[in-house]
């Protein structure tokens, strides 16, 4: 299946020393654009952002939140 194909591709990438580029996203707050790269902890608000994401993840996993969305 697809999991086997993914595993095979990762194995081939390791053998050929190929690394995938980290994912990134950005958000505009006011007139400032904030860039986030997977695994990078250099953003000045990294701890605050991580805590907010943990809280949002908990809300999404909570059945009450799903009921709220309808």
PDB file of N, CA and C in Angstrom:
ATOM      1  N   UNK A   1       0.803  -1.185   0.000  1.00  0.00           N
ATOM      2  CA  UNK A   1       0.000   0.000   0.000  1.00  0.00           C
ATOM      3  C   UNK A   1       0.852   1.257   0.000  1.00  0.00           C
ATOM      4  N   UNK A   2       0.208   2.356   0.258  1.00  0.00           N
ATOM      5  CA  UNK A   2       0.900   3.643   0.247  1.00  0.00           C
ATOM      6  C   UNK A   2       1.948   3.755   1.349  1.00  0.00           C
ATOM      7  N   UNK A   3       1.685   3.131   2.516  1.00  0.00           N
ATOM      8  CA  UNK A   3       2.661   3.182   3.606  1.00  0.00           C
ATOM      9  C   UNK A   3       3.948   2.482   3.203  1.00  0.00           C
ATOM     10  N   UNK A   4       3.824   1.360   2.494  1.00  0.00           N
ATOM     11  CA  UNK A   4       5.009   0.638   2.027  1.00  0.00           C
ATOM     12  C   UNK A   4       5.791   1.480   1.019  1.00  0.00           C
ATOM     13  N   UNK A   5       5.076   2.159   0.138  1.00  0.00           N
ATOM     14  CA  UNK A   5       5.737   3.026  -0.844  1.00  0.00           C
ATOM     15  C   UNK A   5       6.461   4.180  -0.157  1.00  0.00           C
ATOM     16  N   UNK A   6       5.829   4.759   0.844  1.00  0.00           N
ATOM     17  CA  UNK A   6       6.448   5.860   1.581  1.00  0.00           C
ATOM     18  C   UNK A   6       7.705   5.377   2.291  1.00  0.00           C
ATOM     19  N   UNK A   7       7.623   4.211   2.916  1.00  0.00           N
ATOM     20  CA  UNK A   7       8.771   3.636   3.613  1.00  0.00           C
ATOM     21  C   UNK A   7       9.921   3.387   2.634  1.00  0.00           C
ATOM     22  N   UNK A   8       9.596   2.852   1.463  1.00  0.00           N
ATOM     23  CA  UNK A   8      10.599   2.576   0.439  1.00  0.00           C
ATOM     24  C   UNK A   8      11.250   3.873  -0.054  1.00  0.00           C
ATOM     25  N   UNK A   9      10.450   4.892  -0.255  1.00  0.00           N
ATOM     26  CA  UNK A   9      10.975   6.178  -0.705  1.00  0.00           C
ATOM     27  C   UNK A   9      11.907   6.780   0.338  1.00  0.00           C
ATOM     28  N   UNK A  10      11.513   6.722   1.610  1.00  0.00           N
ATOM     29  CA  UNK A  10      12.373   7.254   2.678  1.00  0.00           C
ATOM     30  C   UNK A  10      13.695   6.494   2.742  1.00  0.00           C
ATOM     31  N   UNK A  11      13.630   5.186   2.572  1.00  0.00           N
ATOM     32  CA  UNK A  11      14.840   4.363   2.592  1.00  0.00           C
ATOM     33  C   UNK A  11      15.771   4.774   1.443  1.00  0.00           C
ATOM     34  N   UNK A  12      15.208   4.949   0.253  1.00  0.00           N
ATOM     35  CA  UNK A  12      15.997   5.375  -0.907  1.00  0.00           C
ATOM     36  C   UNK A  12      16.609   6.753  -0.671  1.00  0.00           C
ATOM     37  N   UNK A  13      15.834   7.657  -0.087  1.00  0.00           N
ATOM     38  CA  UNK A  13      16.351   8.994   0.213  1.00  0.00           C
ATOM     39  C   UNK A  13      17.524   8.921   1.174  1.00  0.00           C
ATOM     40  N   UNK A  14      17.425   8.078   2.197  1.00  0.00           N
ATOM     41  CA  UNK A  14      18.524   7.931   3.154  1.00  0.00           C
ATOM     42  C   UNK A  14      19.766   7.367   2.471  1.00  0.00           C
ATOM     43  N   UNK A  15      19.581   6.361   1.621  1.00  0.00           N
ATOM     44  CA  UNK A  15      20.711   5.737   0.932  1.00  0.00           C
ATOM     45  C   UNK A  15      21.428   6.726   0.019  1.00  0.00           C
ATOM     46  N   UNK A  16      20.685   7.641  -0.565  1.00  0.00           N
ATOM     47  CA  UNK A  16      21.269   8.617  -1.488  1.00  0.00           C
ATOM     48  C   UNK A  16      21.584   9.939  -0.796  1.00  0.00           C
ATOM     49  N   UNK A  17      21.449   9.959   0.538  1.00  0.00           N
ATOM     50  CA  UNK A  17      21.710  11.148   1.349  1.00  0.00           C
ATOM     51  C   UNK A  17      20.906  12.361   0.856  1.00  0.00           C
ATOM     52  N   UNK A  18      19.635  12.112   0.551  1.00  0.00           N
ATOM     53  CA  UNK A  18      18.722  13.174   0.121  1.00  0.00           C
ATOM     54  C   UNK A  18      17.858  13.554   1.319  1.00  0.00           C
ATOM     55  N   UNK A  19      17.780  14.849   1.599  1.00  0.00           N
ATOM     56  CA  UNK A  19      16.957  15.319   2.707  1.00  0.00           C
ATOM     57  C   UNK A  19      15.849  16.206   2.162  1.00  0.00           C
ATOM     58  N   UNK A  20      14.651  16.022   2.697  1.00  0.00           N
ATOM     59  CA  UNK A  20      13.549  16.874   2.254  1.00  0.00           C
ATOM     60  C   UNK A  20      13.661  18.230   2.931  1.00  0.00           C
ATOM     61  N   UNK A  21      13.153  19.235   2.265  1.00  0.00           N
ATOM     62  CA  UNK A  21      13.175  20.578   2.825  1.00  0.00           C
ATOM     63  C   UNK A  21      12.116  20.669   3.922  1.00  0.00           C
ATOM     64  N   UNK A  22      12.436  21.354   5.021  1.00  0.00           N
ATOM     65  CA  UNK A  22      11.437  21.493   6.084  1.00  0.00           C
ATOM     66  C   UNK A  22      10.251  22.323   5.613  1.00  0.00           C
ATOM     67  N   UNK A  23       9.076  21.986   6.127  1.00  0.00           N
ATOM     68  CA  UNK A  23       7.877  22.745   5.801  1.00  0.00           C
ATOM     69  C   UNK A  23       7.914  24.115   6.454  1.00  0.00           C
ATOM     70  N   UNK A  24       7.183  25.032   5.885  1.00  0.00           N
ATOM     71  CA  UNK A  24       7.123  26.360   6.483  1.00  0.00           C
ATOM     72  C   UNK A  24       5.723  26.945   6.287  1.00  0.00           C
ATOM     73  N   UNK A  25       5.419  27.906   7.100  1.00  0.00           N
ATOM     74  CA  UNK A  25       4.163  28.636   6.978  1.00  0.00           C
ATOM     75  C   UNK A  25       4.409  30.051   7.471  1.00  0.00           C
ATOM     76  N   UNK A  26       3.476  30.927   7.200  1.00  0.00           N
ATOM     77  CA  UNK A  26       3.610  32.282   7.669  1.00  0.00           C
ATOM     78  C   UNK A  26       2.240  32.827   8.001  1.00  0.00           C
ATOM     79  N   UNK A  27       2.270  33.840   8.856  1.00  0.00           N
ATOM     80  CA  UNK A  27       1.039  34.501   9.258  1.00  0.00           C
ATOM     81  C   UNK A  27       1.313  35.999   9.306  1.00  0.00           C
ATOM     82  N   UNK A  28       0.345  36.776   8.861  1.00  0.00           N
ATOM     83  CA  UNK A  28       0.474  38.225   8.885  1.00  0.00           C
ATOM     84  C   UNK A  28      -0.329  38.740  10.071  1.00  0.00           C
ATOM     85  N   UNK A  29       0.338  39.473  10.959  1.00  0.00           N
ATOM     86  CA  UNK A  29      -0.307  40.100  12.109  1.00  0.00           C
ATOM     87  C   UNK A  29      -0.056  41.596  11.974  1.00  0.00           C
ATOM     88  N   UNK A  30      -1.133  42.343  11.783  1.00  0.00           N
ATOM     89  CA  UNK A  30      -0.965  43.768  11.506  1.00  0.00           C
ATOM     90  C   UNK A  30      -0.265  43.923  10.171  1.00  0.00           C
ATOM     91  N   UNK A  31       0.885  44.574  10.191  1.00  0.00           N
ATOM     92  CA  UNK A  31       1.666  44.722   8.963  1.00  0.00           C
ATOM     93  C   UNK A  31       2.939  43.887   9.004  1.00  0.00           C
ATOM     94  N   UNK A  32       3.050  43.002   9.981  1.00  0.00           N
ATOM     95  CA  UNK A  32       4.231  42.154  10.115  1.00  0.00           C
ATOM     96  C   UNK A  32       3.938  40.748   9.629  1.00  0.00           C
ATOM     97  N   UNK A  33       4.828  40.214   8.799  1.00  0.00           N
ATOM     98  CA  UNK A  33       4.724  38.840   8.333  1.00  0.00           C
ATOM     99  C   UNK A  33       5.675  37.988   9.154  1.00  0.00           C
ATOM    100  N   UNK A  34       5.147  36.939   9.786  1.00  0.00           N
ATOM    101  CA  UNK A  34       5.952  36.035  10.607  1.00  0.00           C
ATOM    102  C   UNK A  34       6.103  34.713   9.876  1.00  0.00           C
ATOM    103  N   UNK A  35       7.349  34.284   9.672  1.00  0.00           N
ATOM    104  CA  UNK A  35       7.658  33.039   8.984  1.00  0.00           C
ATOM    105  C   UNK A  35       8.022  31.980  10.015  1.00  0.00           C
ATOM    106  N   UNK A  36       7.483  30.778   9.833  1.00  0.00           N
ATOM    107  CA  UNK A  36       7.775  29.660  10.720  1.00  0.00           C
ATOM    108  C   UNK A  36       8.269  28.494   9.879  1.00  0.00           C
ATOM    109  N   UNK A  37       9.409  27.929  10.267  1.00  0.00           N
ATOM    110  CA  UNK A  37       9.979  26.776   9.581  1.00  0.00           C
ATOM    111  C   UNK A  37       9.955  25.606  10.556  1.00  0.00           C
ATOM    112  N   UNK A  38       9.539  24.440  10.077  1.00  0.00           N
ATOM    113  CA  UNK A  38       9.439  23.253  10.930  1.00  0.00           C
ATOM    114  C   UNK A  38      10.755  23.001  11.660  1.00  0.00           C
ATOM    115  N   UNK A  39      10.669  22.849  12.968  1.00  0.00           N
ATOM    116  CA  UNK A  39      11.833  22.533  13.786  1.00  0.00           C
ATOM    117  C   UNK A  39      12.658  23.730  14.217  1.00  0.00           C
ATOM    118  N   UNK A  40      12.383  24.909  13.679  1.00  0.00           N
ATOM    119  CA  UNK A  40      13.151  26.104  14.024  1.00  0.00           C
ATOM    120  C   UNK A  40      12.577  26.719  15.294  1.00  0.00           C
ATOM    121  N   UNK A  41      13.427  26.953  16.269  1.00  0.00           N
ATOM    122  CA  UNK A  41      12.968  27.506  17.541  1.00  0.00           C
ATOM    123  C   UNK A  41      13.512  28.919  17.768  1.00  0.00           C
ATOM    124  N   UNK A  42      13.925  29.593  16.693  1.00  0.00           N
ATOM    125  CA  UNK A  42      14.565  30.899  16.847  1.00  0.00           C
ATOM    126  C   UNK A  42      13.579  32.072  16.860  1.00  0.00           C
ATOM    127  N   UNK A  43      12.299  31.815  16.574  1.00  0.00           N
ATOM    128  CA  UNK A  43      11.326  32.912  16.588  1.00  0.00           C
ATOM    129  C   UNK A  43      11.255  33.477  17.999  1.00  0.00           C
ATOM    130  N   UNK A  44      11.257  34.803  18.155  1.00  0.00           N
ATOM    131  CA  UNK A  44      11.257  35.404  19.493  1.00  0.00           C
ATOM    132  C   UNK A  44      10.066  34.999  20.364  1.00  0.00           C
ATOM    133  N   UNK A  45       8.951  34.631  19.767  1.00  0.00           N
ATOM    134  CA  UNK A  45       7.765  34.236  20.528  1.00  0.00           C
ATOM    135  C   UNK A  45       7.528  32.732  20.473  1.00  0.00           C
ATOM    136  N   UNK A  46       8.570  31.956  20.237  1.00  0.00           N
ATOM    137  CA  UNK A  46       8.454  30.506  20.043  1.00  0.00           C
ATOM    138  C   UNK A  46       7.716  29.816  21.192  1.00  0.00           C
ATOM    139  N   UNK A  47       8.097  30.113  22.429  1.00  0.00           N
ATOM    140  CA  UNK A  47       7.461  29.450  23.574  1.00  0.00           C
ATOM    141  C   UNK A  47       5.981  29.799  23.665  1.00  0.00           C
ATOM    142  N   UNK A  48       5.659  31.056  23.470  1.00  0.00           N
ATOM    143  CA  UNK A  48       4.267  31.508  23.541  1.00  0.00           C
ATOM    144  C   UNK A  48       3.435  30.873  22.420  1.00  0.00           C
ATOM    145  N   UNK A  49       4.002  30.806  21.230  1.00  0.00           N
ATOM    146  CA  UNK A  49       3.305  30.214  20.086  1.00  0.00           C
ATOM    147  C   UNK A  49       3.080  28.724  20.313  1.00  0.00           C
ATOM    148  N   UNK A  50       4.095  28.028  20.820  1.00  0.00           N
ATOM    149  CA  UNK A  50       3.972  26.589  21.085  1.00  0.00           C
ATOM    150  C   UNK A  50       2.870  26.311  22.098  1.00  0.00           C
ATOM    151  N   UNK A  51       2.809  27.124  23.144  1.00  0.00           N
ATOM    152  CA  UNK A  51       1.778  26.949  24.160  1.00  0.00           C
ATOM    153  C   UNK A  51       0.387  27.181  23.563  1.00  0.00           C
ATOM    154  N   UNK A  52       0.244  28.217  22.738  1.00  0.00           N
ATOM    155  CA  UNK A  52      -1.046  28.496  22.100  1.00  0.00           C
ATOM    156  C   UNK A  52      -1.456  27.340  21.190  1.00  0.00           C
ATOM    157  N   UNK A  53      -0.509  26.776  20.446  1.00  0.00           N
ATOM    158  CA  UNK A  53      -0.818  25.646  19.570  1.00  0.00           C
ATOM    159  C   UNK A  53      -1.226  24.414  20.368  1.00  0.00           C
ATOM    160  N   UNK A  54      -0.584  24.187  21.509  1.00  0.00           N
ATOM    161  CA  UNK A  54      -0.966  23.049  22.359  1.00  0.00           C
ATOM    162  C   UNK A  54      -2.397  23.210  22.854  1.00  0.00           C
ATOM    163  N   UNK A  55      -2.749  24.433  23.252  1.00  0.00           N
ATOM    164  CA  UNK A  55      -4.118  24.684  23.715  1.00  0.00           C
ATOM    165  C   UNK A  55      -5.123  24.504  22.579  1.00  0.00           C
ATOM    166  N   UNK A  56      -4.798  25.000  21.399  1.00  0.00           N
ATOM    167  CA  UNK A  56      -5.697  24.841  20.253  1.00  0.00           C
ATOM    168  C   UNK A  56      -5.870  23.376  19.877  1.00  0.00           C
ATOM    169  N   UNK A  57      -4.782  22.621  19.921  1.00  0.00           N
ATOM    170  CA  UNK A  57      -4.850  21.191  19.614  1.00  0.00           C
ATOM    171  C   UNK A  57      -5.750  20.475  20.610  1.00  0.00           C
ATOM    172  N   UNK A  58      -5.625  20.822  21.889  1.00  0.00           N
ATOM    173  CA  UNK A  58      -6.475  20.208  22.911  1.00  0.00           C
ATOM    174  C   UNK A  58      -7.943  20.542  22.661  1.00  0.00           C
ATOM    175  N   UNK A  59      -8.226  21.785  22.277  1.00  0.00           N
ATOM    176  CA  UNK A  59      -9.608  22.172  21.985  1.00  0.00           C
ATOM    177  C   UNK A  59     -10.168  21.392  20.805  1.00  0.00           C
ATOM    178  N   UNK A  60      -9.363  21.236  19.777  1.00  0.00           N
ATOM    179  CA  UNK A  60      -9.818  20.517  18.588  1.00  0.00           C
ATOM    180  C   UNK A  60     -10.110  19.061  18.913  1.00  0.00           C
ATOM    181  N   UNK A  61      -9.301  18.457  19.783  1.00  0.00           N
ATOM    182  CA  UNK A  61      -9.494  17.055  20.147  1.00  0.00           C
ATOM    183  C   UNK A  61     -10.658  16.862  21.113  1.00  0.00           C
ATOM    184  N   UNK A  62     -11.073  17.935  21.757  1.00  0.00           N
ATOM    185  CA  UNK A  62     -12.156  17.878  22.738  1.00  0.00           C
ATOM    186  C   UNK A  62     -13.500  17.760  22.016  1.00  0.00           C
ATOM    187  N   UNK A  63     -14.324  16.809  22.440  1.00  0.00           N
ATOM    188  CA  UNK A  63     -15.636  16.610  21.818  1.00  0.00           C
ATOM    189  C   UNK A  63     -16.512  17.849  21.896  1.00  0.00           C
ATOM    190  N   UNK A  64     -16.367  18.631  22.945  1.00  0.00           N
ATOM    191  CA  UNK A  64     -17.161  19.840  23.098  1.00  0.00           C
ATOM    192  C   UNK A  64     -16.903  20.790  21.938  1.00  0.00           C
ATOM    193  N   UNK A  65     -15.649  20.889  21.522  1.00  0.00           N
ATOM    194  CA  UNK A  65     -15.300  21.761  20.407  1.00  0.00           C
ATOM    195  C   UNK A  65     -15.952  21.267  19.121  1.00  0.00           C
ATOM    196  N   UNK A  66     -15.938  19.938  18.908  1.00  0.00           N
ATOM    197  CA  UNK A  66     -16.570  19.373  17.719  1.00  0.00           C
ATOM    198  C   UNK A  66     -18.074  19.655  17.721  1.00  0.00           C
ATOM    199  N   UNK A  67     -18.704  19.555  18.899  1.00  0.00           N
ATOM    200  CA  UNK A  67     -20.131  19.854  19.007  1.00  0.00           C
ATOM    201  C   UNK A  67     -20.402  21.321  18.676  1.00  0.00           C
ATOM    202  N   UNK A  68     -19.486  22.196  19.107  1.00  0.00           N
ATOM    203  CA  UNK A  68     -19.631  23.624  18.850  1.00  0.00           C
ATOM    204  C   UNK A  68     -19.622  23.911  17.349  1.00  0.00           C
ATOM    205  N   UNK A  69     -18.785  23.181  16.611  1.00  0.00           N
ATOM    206  CA  UNK A  69     -18.702  23.401  15.166  1.00  0.00           C
ATOM    207  C   UNK A  69     -19.944  22.901  14.445  1.00  0.00           C
ATOM    208  N   UNK A  70     -20.672  22.013  15.099  1.00  0.00           N
ATOM    209  CA  UNK A  70     -21.920  21.547  14.522  1.00  0.00           C
ATOM    210  C   UNK A  70     -21.726  20.352  13.673  1.00  0.00           C
TER     211      UNK A  70
END
